[in-house]
Structure formats: C-alpha cells, structure tokens
Amino acid sequence: MSKHLKRLNAPRALRLHRKEKTWTIRALSGPHPKNKSIPIGLVIRDYLGLCDTLREVKRIISLGEVFVDGVVRRDYKYPCGFMDVITIPKIKKYFRVMYDARGKLTLAPIQTKDAEWKLCRIENKTIIKGKRIQLNFHDGRNKIVDKDEFSTGDVLRLSFKDKKILDIYKFSKGTVSLIIGGSHVGETANIEDINVIASSKPNLAKCKGKTEFSTLQKYVFPIGTKNPVITLPEVQI
C-alpha cells in the first residue's frame, strides 16, 4: 500500500487546491474511513493556515499543541472525521468537523464549553459477558451500558472528561437531523417518517427541511430534539 497521495487523487470530501502542488498528506487508518477524514496536518496547514510547510506542521504536532476529542495527537497523519472536536488551547481555538452543503468536510468554530463533548451515533450493538450491552459508535469508539434502552441510529452526547452520557437524541419522528450524505448533504431537516423495508435494501427516512425528501437511514444524523445542539458551519460559496 502506498504511503503517498497525490492531490488529484485526494478524497473529494477534502477542501484542497488540487493543482497548486503535486502531493498532499495521506491519512492513516483510524476511527474514520480515509475518504471521509482529514489528516491533522492538513487541518493545521491548509484549513487553518497556522503554518506554511510540512516541517512546521510536524513541529506543532510533536509539541502536543493539538487535541482531538480531548486527547493529544502527535501524528500529523492522524485522521479527523465527522463530529470530531479539534482543540488548540494555546491559541484558544475550538472546532467541530462537519459537512457543508457541498459534501466537503469543514471546520465549524465552537465555544469552549461545546469542546467538552461530542455527538456519537450508534451503528450497532453487541451483547458481551454478563449480558451487558456494548454500543458501537460511528467514530470507532464504544461504550458498555447495563440497560438496553438505546436503538441503532440514536445519537448520544458524550463527555470527554468522564465518558458519561449527557443526553440522547432518538432516531424517531420529529427529531432534528443533519443529512450527511446524498444529494441533500449538509441540510438540516426533521424526520417525518421512517420506512422500514423488509429486505436487504436499506431503510428510508422521510424528512422535511426546506423541502420534503426521502433519503437513506444511514445519511440521517440526529442533532437535537427540537433545535440543533451543535453549531452548524457557515454557508461558503
């Protein structure tokens, strides 16, 4: 497997000037797919413009100046994906990785208090020893709970400090959701109905935002009960 990546072959989700230079940073394998993640090095150099060269990026990262989800990351290739919280305490900058209206990964500035938690969607559940339930989230992490009161598709608000569940946003009718794929990516909409298909085909969710539309269940990410609990990225033209 190649350790290098040309800009022309970089994932479409990245915001890059593809013809200015030949090479870019290739994300390592990690909690997010490579085609849906941004290496920390790109965040520091290309997204935020805090430095000009890869050498400067490595210097900043190696000094432990950058946190992802409350943990210091010292590898400039570490992948940051949807809903990850990037913190740079030295300059008091806090960001959440989001999708914009074009399906590009972007950084939404957030307040200090909002950098202490993140939203995680339950992708599946497993039963472990002692009949306890393990919740497996979209970002690769998991959490063990005693009561099976959560469903696949629900989103939990998790604290970084003590790993506690601060709130839950059900994948159900009326919930405010962010669309993270398809032709309506980046839009916020309320879930109107859920169409469970008894076959190998994916379930559909009927949503209502600016218009009414149907999309795949995996593209619907609940972000609040009545109003979004996260800061949405500004529209960029």
C-alpha atoms as a PDB file:
ATOM      1  CA  MET A   1       0.000   0.000   0.000  1.00  0.00           C
ATOM      2  CA  SER A   2       1.342   3.415  -0.960  1.00  0.00           C
ATOM      3  CA  LYS A   3       2.290   5.848   1.800  1.00  0.00           C
ATOM      4  CA  HIS A   4       1.902   8.809  -0.537  1.00  0.00           C
ATOM      5  CA  LEU A   5      -1.074  10.594  -2.044  1.00  0.00           C
ATOM      6  CA  LYS A   6      -1.340  12.988  -4.970  1.00  0.00           C
ATOM      7  CA  ARG A   7      -3.679  15.924  -4.650  1.00  0.00           C
ATOM      8  CA  LEU A   8      -5.557  14.963  -7.802  1.00  0.00           C
ATOM      9  CA  ASN A   9      -6.401  11.606  -6.210  1.00  0.00           C
ATOM     10  CA  ALA A  10      -7.291  13.027  -2.791  1.00  0.00           C
ATOM     11  CA  PRO A  11     -10.779  12.253  -1.414  1.00  0.00           C
ATOM     12  CA  ARG A  12     -13.499  14.531  -2.765  1.00  0.00           C
ATOM     13  CA  ALA A  13     -14.547  15.395   0.793  1.00  0.00           C
ATOM     14  CA  LEU A  14     -11.330  17.394   1.352  1.00  0.00           C
ATOM     15  CA  ARG A  15     -11.051  21.114   0.674  1.00  0.00           C
ATOM     16  CA  LEU A  16      -7.818  21.310  -1.333  1.00  0.00           C
ATOM     17  CA  HIS A  17      -6.288  23.350  -4.123  1.00  0.00           C
ATOM     18  CA  ARG A  18      -5.582  20.319  -6.255  1.00  0.00           C
ATOM     19  CA  LYS A  19      -3.343  21.863  -8.920  1.00  0.00           C
ATOM     20  CA  GLU A  20      -1.097  24.123  -6.850  1.00  0.00           C
ATOM     21  CA  LYS A  21       1.136  21.274  -5.697  1.00  0.00           C
ATOM     22  CA  THR A  22       1.575  17.600  -6.555  1.00  0.00           C
ATOM     23  CA  TRP A  23       1.448  15.843  -3.187  1.00  0.00           C
ATOM     24  CA  THR A  24      -0.653  16.017  -0.061  1.00  0.00           C
ATOM     25  CA  ILE A  25      -0.845  14.209   3.291  1.00  0.00           C
ATOM     26  CA  ARG A  26      -2.291  10.700   3.278  1.00  0.00           C
ATOM     27  CA  ALA A  27      -4.417   9.870   6.322  1.00  0.00           C
ATOM     28  CA  LEU A  28      -3.534   6.853   8.425  1.00  0.00           C
ATOM     29  CA  SER A  29      -6.008   4.070   9.098  1.00  0.00           C
ATOM     30  CA  GLY A  30      -8.048   5.007  12.118  1.00  0.00           C
ATOM     31  CA  PRO A  31     -11.532   5.603  13.520  1.00  0.00           C
ATOM     32  CA  HIS A  32     -12.819   7.137  10.272  1.00  0.00           C
ATOM     33  CA  PRO A  33     -12.614   5.946   6.634  1.00  0.00           C
ATOM     34  CA  LYS A  34      -9.792   7.563   4.677  1.00  0.00           C
ATOM     35  CA  ASN A  35     -12.196   9.030   2.152  1.00  0.00           C
ATOM     36  CA  LYS A  36     -14.160  10.735   4.942  1.00  0.00           C
ATOM     37  CA  SER A  37     -11.399  12.135   7.126  1.00  0.00           C
ATOM     38  CA  ILE A  38      -8.869  14.969   7.264  1.00  0.00           C
ATOM     39  CA  PRO A  39      -5.289  14.374   8.453  1.00  0.00           C
ATOM     40  CA  ILE A  40      -4.376  16.719  11.326  1.00  0.00           C
ATOM     41  CA  GLY A  41      -1.527  18.077   9.222  1.00  0.00           C
ATOM     42  CA  LEU A  42      -3.989  19.382   6.621  1.00  0.00           C
ATOM     43  CA  VAL A  43      -6.137  20.932   9.330  1.00  0.00           C
ATOM     44  CA  ILE A  44      -3.167  22.884  10.695  1.00  0.00           C
ATOM     45  CA  ARG A  45      -1.594  23.927   7.391  1.00  0.00           C
ATOM     46  CA  ASP A  46      -4.335  24.085   4.719  1.00  0.00           C
ATOM     47  CA  TYR A  47      -7.568  24.586   6.668  1.00  0.00           C
ATOM     48  CA  LEU A  48      -6.408  26.951   9.432  1.00  0.00           C
ATOM     49  CA  GLY A  49      -3.271  28.375   7.806  1.00  0.00           C
ATOM     50  CA  LEU A  50      -1.280  28.253  11.043  1.00  0.00           C
ATOM     51  CA  CYS A  51       1.915  27.381   9.155  1.00  0.00           C
ATOM     52  CA  ASP A  52       3.276  27.094   5.614  1.00  0.00           C
ATOM     53  CA  THR A  53       5.322  23.909   5.448  1.00  0.00           C
ATOM     54  CA  LEU A  54       5.059  20.283   6.495  1.00  0.00           C
ATOM     55  CA  ARG A  55       8.136  20.721   8.700  1.00  0.00           C
ATOM     56  CA  GLU A  56       6.322  23.379  10.691  1.00  0.00           C
ATOM     57  CA  VAL A  57       3.265  21.114  10.917  1.00  0.00           C
ATOM     58  CA  LYS A  58       5.358  18.300  12.391  1.00  0.00           C
ATOM     59  CA  ARG A  59       6.866  20.725  14.907  1.00  0.00           C
ATOM     60  CA  ILE A  60       3.471  21.929  16.124  1.00  0.00           C
ATOM     61  CA  ILE A  61       2.052  18.405  16.340  1.00  0.00           C
ATOM     62  CA  SER A  62       5.110  16.955  18.112  1.00  0.00           C
ATOM     63  CA  LEU A  63       4.868  19.616  20.845  1.00  0.00           C
ATOM     64  CA  GLY A  64       1.404  18.320  21.774  1.00  0.00           C
ATOM     65  CA  GLU A  65      -0.400  21.514  20.822  1.00  0.00           C
ATOM     66  CA  VAL A  66      -3.351  19.801  19.111  1.00  0.00           C
ATOM     67  CA  PHE A  67      -6.087  17.751  20.786  1.00  0.00           C
ATOM     68  CA  VAL A  68      -8.690  15.590  19.046  1.00  0.00           C
ATOM     69  CA  ASP A  69     -11.674  14.626  21.213  1.00  0.00           C
ATOM     70  CA  GLY A  70      -9.733  15.680  24.305  1.00  0.00           C
ATOM     71  CA  VAL A  71      -6.674  13.536  23.543  1.00  0.00           C
ATOM     72  CA  VAL A  72      -3.268  14.844  22.409  1.00  0.00           C
ATOM     73  CA  ARG A  73      -2.413  13.570  18.926  1.00  0.00           C
ATOM     74  CA  ARG A  74       1.245  13.678  17.846  1.00  0.00           C
ATOM     75  CA  ASP A  75       0.977  12.090  14.398  1.00  0.00           C
ATOM     76  CA  TYR A  76       0.354  14.593  11.621  1.00  0.00           C
ATOM     77  CA  LYS A  77      -1.409  11.872   9.609  1.00  0.00           C
ATOM     78  CA  TYR A  78      -3.997  11.094  12.287  1.00  0.00           C
ATOM     79  CA  PRO A  79      -7.487  11.162  10.647  1.00  0.00           C
ATOM     80  CA  CYS A  80     -10.149  13.554  11.929  1.00  0.00           C
ATOM     81  CA  GLY A  81     -13.690  12.765  10.841  1.00  0.00           C
ATOM     82  CA  PHE A  82     -17.293  13.881  11.170  1.00  0.00           C
ATOM     83  CA  MET A  83     -18.191  15.273  14.619  1.00  0.00           C
ATOM     84  CA  ASP A  84     -14.604  15.125  15.926  1.00  0.00           C
ATOM     85  CA  VAL A  85     -13.651  18.080  18.127  1.00  0.00           C
ATOM     86  CA  ILE A  86     -10.276  19.687  17.388  1.00  0.00           C
ATOM     87  CA  THR A  87      -8.842  21.843  20.178  1.00  0.00           C
ATOM     88  CA  ILE A  88      -5.784  24.108  20.102  1.00  0.00           C
ATOM     89  CA  PRO A  89      -5.640  25.530  23.663  1.00  0.00           C
ATOM     90  CA  LYS A  90      -2.569  27.718  23.095  1.00  0.00           C
ATOM     91  CA  ILE A  91      -4.460  29.991  20.688  1.00  0.00           C
ATOM     92  CA  LYS A  92      -7.879  29.263  22.225  1.00  0.00           C
ATOM     93  CA  LYS A  93      -9.351  27.815  19.049  1.00  0.00           C
ATOM     94  CA  TYR A  94     -12.012  25.086  19.039  1.00  0.00           C
ATOM     95  CA  PHE A  95     -13.603  23.407  16.024  1.00  0.00           C
ATOM     96  CA  ARG A  96     -16.017  20.613  15.177  1.00  0.00           C
ATOM     97  CA  VAL A  97     -15.580  18.691  11.919  1.00  0.00           C
ATOM     98  CA  MET A  98     -18.781  18.942   9.882  1.00  0.00           C
ATOM     99  CA  TYR A  99     -20.146  18.533   6.343  1.00  0.00           C
ATOM    100  CA  ASP A 100     -21.056  21.611   4.344  1.00  0.00           C
ATOM    101  CA  ALA A 101     -23.728  21.888   1.648  1.00  0.00           C
ATOM    102  CA  ARG A 102     -21.323  20.524  -0.965  1.00  0.00           C
ATOM    103  CA  GLY A 103     -20.441  17.419   0.988  1.00  0.00           C
ATOM    104  CA  LYS A 104     -16.997  18.760   1.895  1.00  0.00           C
ATOM    105  CA  LEU A 105     -15.526  18.304   5.355  1.00  0.00           C
ATOM    106  CA  THR A 106     -15.200  21.688   7.008  1.00  0.00           C
ATOM    107  CA  LEU A 107     -14.431  23.132  10.442  1.00  0.00           C
ATOM    108  CA  ALA A 108     -17.211  24.832  12.414  1.00  0.00           C
ATOM    109  CA  PRO A 109     -15.872  27.144  15.168  1.00  0.00           C
ATOM    110  CA  ILE A 110     -17.396  26.348  18.569  1.00  0.00           C
ATOM    111  CA  GLN A 111     -17.328  27.739  22.101  1.00  0.00           C
ATOM    112  CA  THR A 112     -15.083  26.386  24.845  1.00  0.00           C
ATOM    113  CA  LYS A 113     -17.983  24.685  26.645  1.00  0.00           C
ATOM    114  CA  ASP A 114     -19.012  22.900  23.431  1.00  0.00           C
ATOM    115  CA  ALA A 115     -15.497  21.470  23.036  1.00  0.00           C
ATOM    116  CA  GLU A 116     -16.007  19.245  26.083  1.00  0.00           C
ATOM    117  CA  TRP A 117     -18.384  16.780  24.383  1.00  0.00           C
ATOM    118  CA  LYS A 118     -19.307  15.265  21.037  1.00  0.00           C
ATOM    119  CA  LEU A 119     -22.221  13.528  19.353  1.00  0.00           C
ATOM    120  CA  CYS A 120     -21.819   9.832  18.559  1.00  0.00           C
ATOM    121  CA  ARG A 121     -24.301   7.769  16.560  1.00  0.00           C
ATOM    122  CA  ILE A 122     -24.944   4.149  17.490  1.00  0.00           C
ATOM    123  CA  GLU A 123     -24.098   2.000  14.470  1.00  0.00           C
ATOM    124  CA  ASN A 124     -24.761  -1.375  16.106  1.00  0.00           C
ATOM    125  CA  LYS A 125     -24.983  -3.155  19.454  1.00  0.00           C
ATOM    126  CA  THR A 126     -23.415  -6.342  20.781  1.00  0.00           C
ATOM    127  CA  ILE A 127     -24.067  -8.450  23.889  1.00  0.00           C
ATOM    128  CA  ILE A 128     -20.954  -9.140  25.948  1.00  0.00           C
ATOM    129  CA  LYS A 129     -20.146 -11.155  29.071  1.00  0.00           C
ATOM    130  CA  GLY A 130     -22.671 -10.710  31.845  1.00  0.00           C
ATOM    131  CA  LYS A 131     -25.433  -9.870  29.350  1.00  0.00           C
ATOM    132  CA  ARG A 132     -24.265  -6.287  29.226  1.00  0.00           C
ATOM    133  CA  ILE A 133     -24.739  -4.197  26.095  1.00  0.00           C
ATOM    134  CA  GLN A 134     -21.869  -2.692  24.132  1.00  0.00           C
ATOM    135  CA  LEU A 135     -22.770   0.289  21.966  1.00  0.00           C
ATOM    136  CA  ASN A 136     -20.577   0.742  18.905  1.00  0.00           C
ATOM    137  CA  PHE A 137     -20.406   4.298  17.544  1.00  0.00           C
ATOM    138  CA  HIS A 138     -19.722   5.860  14.144  1.00  0.00           C
ATOM    139  CA  ASP A 139     -16.272   7.097  15.179  1.00  0.00           C
ATOM    140  CA  GLY A 140     -14.921   3.697  16.208  1.00  0.00           C
ATOM    141  CA  ARG A 141     -15.377   4.099  19.959  1.00  0.00           C
ATOM    142  CA  ASN A 142     -17.735   2.041  22.079  1.00  0.00           C
ATOM    143  CA  LYS A 143     -19.448   2.177  25.442  1.00  0.00           C
ATOM    144  CA  ILE A 144     -20.763  -0.542  27.733  1.00  0.00           C
ATOM    145  CA  VAL A 145     -24.163   0.022  29.370  1.00  0.00           C
ATOM    146  CA  ASP A 146     -26.240  -2.081  31.743  1.00  0.00           C
ATOM    147  CA  LYS A 147     -29.690  -1.335  30.318  1.00  0.00           C
ATOM    148  CA  ASP A 148     -30.708  -1.879  26.714  1.00  0.00           C
ATOM    149  CA  GLU A 149     -32.554   1.427  26.305  1.00  0.00           C
ATOM    150  CA  PHE A 150     -30.852   2.581  23.108  1.00  0.00           C
ATOM    151  CA  SER A 151     -31.554   1.806  19.459  1.00  0.00           C
ATOM    152  CA  THR A 152     -29.410   1.733  16.358  1.00  0.00           C
ATOM    153  CA  GLY A 153     -29.433   5.186  14.788  1.00  0.00           C
ATOM    154  CA  ASP A 154     -29.795   7.028  18.109  1.00  0.00           C
ATOM    155  CA  VAL A 155     -27.202   9.704  18.868  1.00  0.00           C
ATOM    156  CA  LEU A 156     -25.625  10.148  22.309  1.00  0.00           C
ATOM    157  CA  ARG A 157     -23.934  13.267  23.634  1.00  0.00           C
ATOM    158  CA  LEU A 158     -20.792  12.010  25.363  1.00  0.00           C
ATOM    159  CA  SER A 159     -18.492  13.895  27.718  1.00  0.00           C
ATOM    160  CA  PHE A 160     -14.743  13.652  27.043  1.00  0.00           C
ATOM    161  CA  LYS A 161     -13.743  14.041  30.685  1.00  0.00           C
ATOM    162  CA  ASP A 162     -15.729  11.277  32.380  1.00  0.00           C
ATOM    163  CA  LYS A 163     -17.202   9.451  29.319  1.00  0.00           C
ATOM    164  CA  LYS A 164     -20.718   9.975  30.679  1.00  0.00           C
ATOM    165  CA  ILE A 165     -23.871  10.151  28.562  1.00  0.00           C
ATOM    166  CA  LEU A 166     -25.105  13.744  28.806  1.00  0.00           C
ATOM    167  CA  ASP A 167     -28.137  13.400  26.541  1.00  0.00           C
ATOM    168  CA  ILE A 168     -29.749  11.202  23.906  1.00  0.00           C
ATOM    169  CA  TYR A 169     -31.377  12.126  20.593  1.00  0.00           C
ATOM    170  CA  LYS A 170     -33.604   9.363  19.288  1.00  0.00           C
ATOM    171  CA  PHE A 171     -33.830   8.368  15.658  1.00  0.00           C
ATOM    172  CA  SER A 172     -37.579   8.911  15.617  1.00  0.00           C
ATOM    173  CA  LYS A 173     -40.292  11.149  14.184  1.00  0.00           C
ATOM    174  CA  GLY A 174     -39.862  14.846  14.887  1.00  0.00           C
ATOM    175  CA  THR A 175     -36.146  14.737  15.693  1.00  0.00           C
ATOM    176  CA  VAL A 176     -33.956  17.431  14.123  1.00  0.00           C
ATOM    177  CA  SER A 177     -31.271  15.779  11.993  1.00  0.00           C
ATOM    178  CA  LEU A 178     -28.313  16.655   9.820  1.00  0.00           C
ATOM    179  CA  ILE A 179     -28.081  14.931   6.434  1.00  0.00           C
ATOM    180  CA  ILE A 180     -24.534  13.617   5.950  1.00  0.00           C
ATOM    181  CA  GLY A 181     -24.794  12.020   2.516  1.00  0.00           C
ATOM    182  CA  GLY A 182     -26.692  12.005  -0.752  1.00  0.00           C
ATOM    183  CA  SER A 183     -27.971  14.990  -2.713  1.00  0.00           C
ATOM    184  CA  HIS A 184     -29.218  16.771   0.435  1.00  0.00           C
ATOM    185  CA  VAL A 185     -25.905  16.587   2.319  1.00  0.00           C
ATOM    186  CA  GLY A 186     -25.377  19.438   4.766  1.00  0.00           C
ATOM    187  CA  GLU A 187     -29.092  20.191   5.177  1.00  0.00           C
ATOM    188  CA  THR A 188     -30.963  20.117   8.479  1.00  0.00           C
ATOM    189  CA  ALA A 189     -34.421  18.555   8.489  1.00  0.00           C
ATOM    190  CA  ASN A 190     -36.998  16.994  10.760  1.00  0.00           C
ATOM    191  CA  ILE A 191     -37.727  13.284  10.491  1.00  0.00           C
ATOM    192  CA  GLU A 192     -41.301  12.903   9.254  1.00  0.00           C
ATOM    193  CA  ASP A 193     -41.491   9.128   8.884  1.00  0.00           C
ATOM    194  CA  ILE A 194     -39.288   6.029   8.867  1.00  0.00           C
ATOM    195  CA  ASN A 195     -39.861   3.415   6.197  1.00  0.00           C
ATOM    196  CA  VAL A 196     -38.565   0.028   7.354  1.00  0.00           C
ATOM    197  CA  ILE A 197     -38.028  -2.206   4.325  1.00  0.00           C
ATOM    198  CA  ALA A 198     -38.256  -5.940   4.983  1.00  0.00           C
ATOM    199  CA  SER A 199     -35.465  -6.924   2.624  1.00  0.00           C
ATOM    200  CA  SER A 200     -31.750  -6.440   2.055  1.00  0.00           C
ATOM    201  CA  LYS A 201     -32.439  -2.900   0.857  1.00  0.00           C
ATOM    202  CA  PRO A 202     -31.646  -0.078   3.302  1.00  0.00           C
ATOM    203  CA  ASN A 203     -34.370   1.632   5.300  1.00  0.00           C
ATOM    204  CA  LEU A 204     -35.544   5.071   4.198  1.00  0.00           C
ATOM    205  CA  ALA A 205     -36.328   8.187   6.198  1.00  0.00           C
ATOM    206  CA  LYS A 206     -38.795  10.819   5.032  1.00  0.00           C
ATOM    207  CA  CYS A 207     -37.559  14.246   6.072  1.00  0.00           C
ATOM    208  CA  LYS A 208     -38.795  17.809   5.867  1.00  0.00           C
ATOM    209  CA  GLY A 209     -36.454  20.778   5.706  1.00  0.00           C
ATOM    210  CA  LYS A 210     -36.597  23.418   3.012  1.00  0.00           C
ATOM    211  CA  THR A 211     -38.411  20.727   1.010  1.00  0.00           C
ATOM    212  CA  GLU A 212     -39.734  17.241   1.625  1.00  0.00           C
ATOM    213  CA  PHE A 213     -37.484  14.393   0.551  1.00  0.00           C
ATOM    214  CA  SER A 214     -36.578  10.787   1.297  1.00  0.00           C
ATOM    215  CA  THR A 215     -33.062   9.582   1.978  1.00  0.00           C
ATOM    216  CA  LEU A 216     -31.248   6.530   3.304  1.00  0.00           C
ATOM    217  CA  GLN A 217     -31.338   5.969   7.040  1.00  0.00           C
ATOM    218  CA  LYS A 218     -27.526   5.974   7.232  1.00  0.00           C
ATOM    219  CA  TYR A 219     -27.494   9.552   5.923  1.00  0.00           C
ATOM    220  CA  VAL A 220     -29.643  10.855   8.797  1.00  0.00           C
ATOM    221  CA  PHE A 221     -27.760  12.004  11.901  1.00  0.00           C
ATOM    222  CA  PRO A 222     -29.965  13.314  14.768  1.00  0.00           C
ATOM    223  CA  ILE A 223     -28.566  16.532  16.290  1.00  0.00           C
ATOM    224  CA  GLY A 224     -31.318  17.637  18.650  1.00  0.00           C
ATOM    225  CA  THR A 225     -34.862  17.139  19.861  1.00  0.00           C
ATOM    226  CA  LYS A 226     -36.409  20.389  18.620  1.00  0.00           C
ATOM    227  CA  ASN A 227     -33.384  22.535  17.783  1.00  0.00           C
ATOM    228  CA  PRO A 228     -29.781  21.646  16.834  1.00  0.00           C
ATOM    229  CA  VAL A 229     -27.480  21.372  19.860  1.00  0.00           C
ATOM    230  CA  ILE A 230     -24.389  21.948  17.741  1.00  0.00           C
ATOM    231  CA  THR A 231     -23.090  24.945  15.830  1.00  0.00           C
ATOM    232  CA  LEU A 232     -23.641  24.431  12.113  1.00  0.00           C
ATOM    233  CA  PRO A 233     -20.982  25.538   9.607  1.00  0.00           C
ATOM    234  CA  GLU A 234     -21.474  28.803   7.737  1.00  0.00           C
ATOM    235  CA  VAL A 235     -22.500  28.564   4.124  1.00  0.00           C
ATOM    236  CA  GLN A 236     -19.494  29.006   1.832  1.00  0.00           C
ATOM    237  CA  ILE A 237     -19.852  29.789  -1.830  1.00  0.00           C
END
